[in-house]
Amino acid sequence: MVAQVTRIPLVLAALMAASVLAACADLPAQMRRVTYPPNFKYVERDQVQSAMWQMADGVNRLDVAMRQPPPVDEARRQQIRELLAQTDAAAAALEAHGRPTNHPLLADRLDAFRREIALARAGVDLEPPSYYLVGSVAGACLGCHDTER
């Protein structure tokens, strides 16, 4: 009986600690609501990394598709369309729509990258298609990822 009595405060303390931890789990997001203006878009680091990996995968797969010997048949043309759309969707996930963000380089250059993708998509949709600008999508990555800065 004495052992049961001493367990009750331990259980209560554990429950209180768990509830405090649960309340603090969303603390960074709650603090951002108060510390940043409403028109500010805070981009989580994980979100940036995930989108960057998706864009890099899309660009690499575009490069592989474009390096295959000509002619480009309809199946490869469709694959290129889909890869451009997927890459654009990954970039769109980071879009701040003209609002300031905690990732200024991304905010400055993302619109230009998406314009490159849109121009490449328009070229692929032409009759006959033009794949010239598809190569510029990979080159657009160098706007942010130039290693000699």
Protein backbone atom coordinates (compact mmCIF):
# COMPACT_ATOMS: atom_id res chain seq x y z
CA MET A 1 0.00 0.00 0.00
CA VAL A 2 2.85 2.37 0.76
CA ALA A 3 4.33 1.65 -2.69
CA GLN A 4 1.01 2.65 -4.33
CA VAL A 5 0.87 5.93 -2.43
CA THR A 6 4.37 6.90 -3.57
CA ARG A 7 3.56 6.02 -7.20
CA ILE A 8 0.64 8.44 -7.43
CA PRO A 9 2.80 11.60 -7.16
CA LEU A 10 5.25 10.11 -9.69
CA VAL A 11 2.43 9.38 -12.14
CA LEU A 12 1.00 12.88 -11.63
CA ALA A 13 4.43 14.43 -12.17
CA ALA A 14 4.94 12.40 -15.34
CA LEU A 15 1.51 13.45 -16.66
CA MET A 16 2.24 17.11 -15.91
CA ALA A 17 5.64 16.90 -17.59
CA ALA A 18 4.07 15.26 -20.66
CA SER A 19 1.42 17.95 -20.90
CA VAL A 20 4.04 20.72 -20.60
CA LEU A 21 6.13 19.09 -23.34
CA ALA A 22 3.08 18.72 -25.56
CA ALA A 23 2.23 22.40 -25.08
CA CYS A 24 5.80 23.42 -25.91
CA ALA A 25 6.03 21.24 -29.02
CA ASP A 26 4.48 23.96 -31.16
CA LEU A 27 6.27 26.78 -29.36
CA PRO A 28 8.50 27.89 -32.28
CA ALA A 29 5.49 28.25 -34.59
CA GLN A 30 3.56 30.11 -31.89
CA MET A 31 6.49 32.47 -31.30
CA ARG A 32 6.78 33.19 -35.04
CA ARG A 33 3.15 34.30 -35.09
CA VAL A 34 4.04 37.02 -32.60
CA THR A 35 7.58 37.91 -33.67
CA TYR A 36 7.10 38.14 -37.46
CA PRO A 37 4.68 40.43 -39.28
CA PRO A 38 1.59 38.81 -40.82
CA ASN A 39 2.87 39.30 -44.38
CA PHE A 40 6.10 37.40 -43.63
CA LYS A 41 6.46 33.80 -44.81
CA TYR A 42 8.64 31.67 -42.57
CA VAL A 43 10.04 28.74 -44.52
CA GLU A 44 11.05 25.79 -42.36
CA ARG A 45 14.52 24.37 -42.98
CA ASP A 46 13.10 20.88 -43.59
CA GLN A 47 10.69 22.31 -46.16
CA VAL A 48 13.55 24.03 -48.02
CA GLN A 49 15.70 20.90 -47.99
CA SER A 50 12.86 18.67 -49.16
CA ALA A 51 11.93 21.00 -52.02
CA MET A 52 15.58 21.42 -53.02
CA TRP A 53 16.05 17.64 -53.19
CA GLN A 54 12.91 17.33 -55.30
CA MET A 55 14.08 20.09 -57.66
CA ALA A 56 17.56 18.56 -57.91
CA ASP A 57 16.04 15.16 -58.69
CA GLY A 58 13.85 16.73 -61.39
CA VAL A 59 16.76 18.59 -62.96
CA ASN A 60 18.97 15.47 -62.92
CA ARG A 61 16.24 13.37 -64.52
CA LEU A 62 15.69 16.10 -67.14
CA ASP A 63 19.39 16.02 -67.90
CA VAL A 64 19.31 12.24 -68.36
CA ALA A 65 16.25 12.48 -70.63
CA MET A 66 17.86 15.19 -72.74
CA ARG A 67 21.16 13.30 -73.13
CA GLN A 68 19.47 10.33 -74.79
CA PRO A 69 20.10 10.19 -78.52
CA PRO A 70 17.58 11.86 -80.84
CA PRO A 71 14.92 11.82 -82.03
CA VAL A 72 12.71 12.66 -79.07
CA ASP A 73 9.60 10.51 -79.39
CA GLU A 74 6.22 11.34 -77.87
CA ALA A 75 6.85 9.21 -74.76
CA ARG A 76 10.07 11.08 -73.96
CA ARG A 77 8.38 14.40 -74.72
CA GLN A 78 5.68 13.52 -72.19
CA GLN A 79 8.32 12.47 -69.66
CA ILE A 80 10.05 15.85 -70.08
CA ARG A 81 6.71 17.65 -69.61
CA GLU A 82 6.06 15.71 -66.40
CA LEU A 83 9.56 16.33 -65.03
CA LEU A 84 9.21 20.07 -65.70
CA ALA A 85 5.81 20.07 -63.97
CA GLN A 86 7.17 18.18 -60.94
CA THR A 87 10.16 20.49 -60.65
CA ASP A 88 7.87 23.52 -60.87
CA ALA A 89 5.56 22.08 -58.20
CA ALA A 90 8.52 21.62 -55.84
CA ALA A 91 9.60 25.22 -56.46
CA ALA A 92 6.04 26.49 -56.00
CA ALA A 93 5.96 24.95 -52.52
CA LEU A 94 8.62 27.49 -51.49
CA GLU A 95 7.02 30.48 -53.19
CA ALA A 96 6.44 33.47 -50.93
CA HIS A 97 4.21 35.32 -53.46
CA GLY A 98 5.97 38.66 -53.06
CA ARG A 99 6.16 38.47 -49.28
CA PRO A 100 9.42 38.74 -47.36
CA THR A 101 10.84 35.46 -46.08
CA ASN A 102 13.56 34.16 -43.78
CA HIS A 103 15.39 32.79 -46.83
CA PRO A 104 16.26 35.95 -48.82
CA LEU A 105 18.27 34.23 -51.56
CA LEU A 106 15.38 31.90 -52.21
CA ALA A 107 12.92 34.79 -52.26
CA ASP A 108 15.13 36.72 -54.72
CA ARG A 109 15.78 33.91 -57.18
CA LEU A 110 12.84 31.51 -57.05
CA ASP A 111 10.71 33.58 -59.44
CA ALA A 112 13.46 33.54 -62.07
CA PHE A 113 13.85 29.77 -61.71
CA ARG A 114 10.11 29.26 -62.16
CA ARG A 115 10.15 31.52 -65.24
CA GLU A 116 12.87 29.32 -66.76
CA ILE A 117 10.70 26.26 -66.15
CA ALA A 118 7.64 27.98 -67.67
CA LEU A 119 9.62 28.94 -70.79
CA ALA A 120 10.97 25.40 -71.13
CA ARG A 121 7.45 23.98 -70.77
CA ALA A 122 6.17 26.37 -73.44
CA GLY A 123 8.95 25.22 -75.78
CA VAL A 124 8.13 21.55 -75.24
CA ASP A 125 4.46 22.27 -76.00
CA LEU A 126 5.25 23.92 -79.36
CA GLU A 127 4.63 22.08 -82.64
CA PRO A 128 7.30 21.07 -83.47
CA PRO A 129 8.67 21.09 -79.93
CA SER A 130 11.76 23.03 -78.94
CA TYR A 131 13.93 21.52 -76.22
CA TYR A 132 16.51 24.28 -76.23
CA LEU A 133 15.27 25.94 -73.04
CA VAL A 134 15.01 22.66 -71.12
CA GLY A 135 18.78 22.86 -70.70
CA SER A 136 18.45 26.32 -69.18
CA VAL A 137 16.51 24.89 -66.24
CA ALA A 138 19.65 23.18 -64.93
CA GLY A 139 21.62 26.33 -65.67
CA ALA A 140 19.14 28.36 -63.65
CA CYS A 141 20.21 26.41 -60.56
CA LEU A 142 23.60 28.08 -60.83
CA GLY A 143 21.97 31.41 -60.00
CA CYS A 144 21.85 30.31 -56.36
CA HIS A 145 24.31 27.44 -56.28
CA ASP A 146 27.33 29.07 -57.89
CA THR A 147 30.28 27.70 -55.91
CA GLU A 148 32.68 30.53 -56.79
CA ARG A 149 30.91 33.31 -54.90
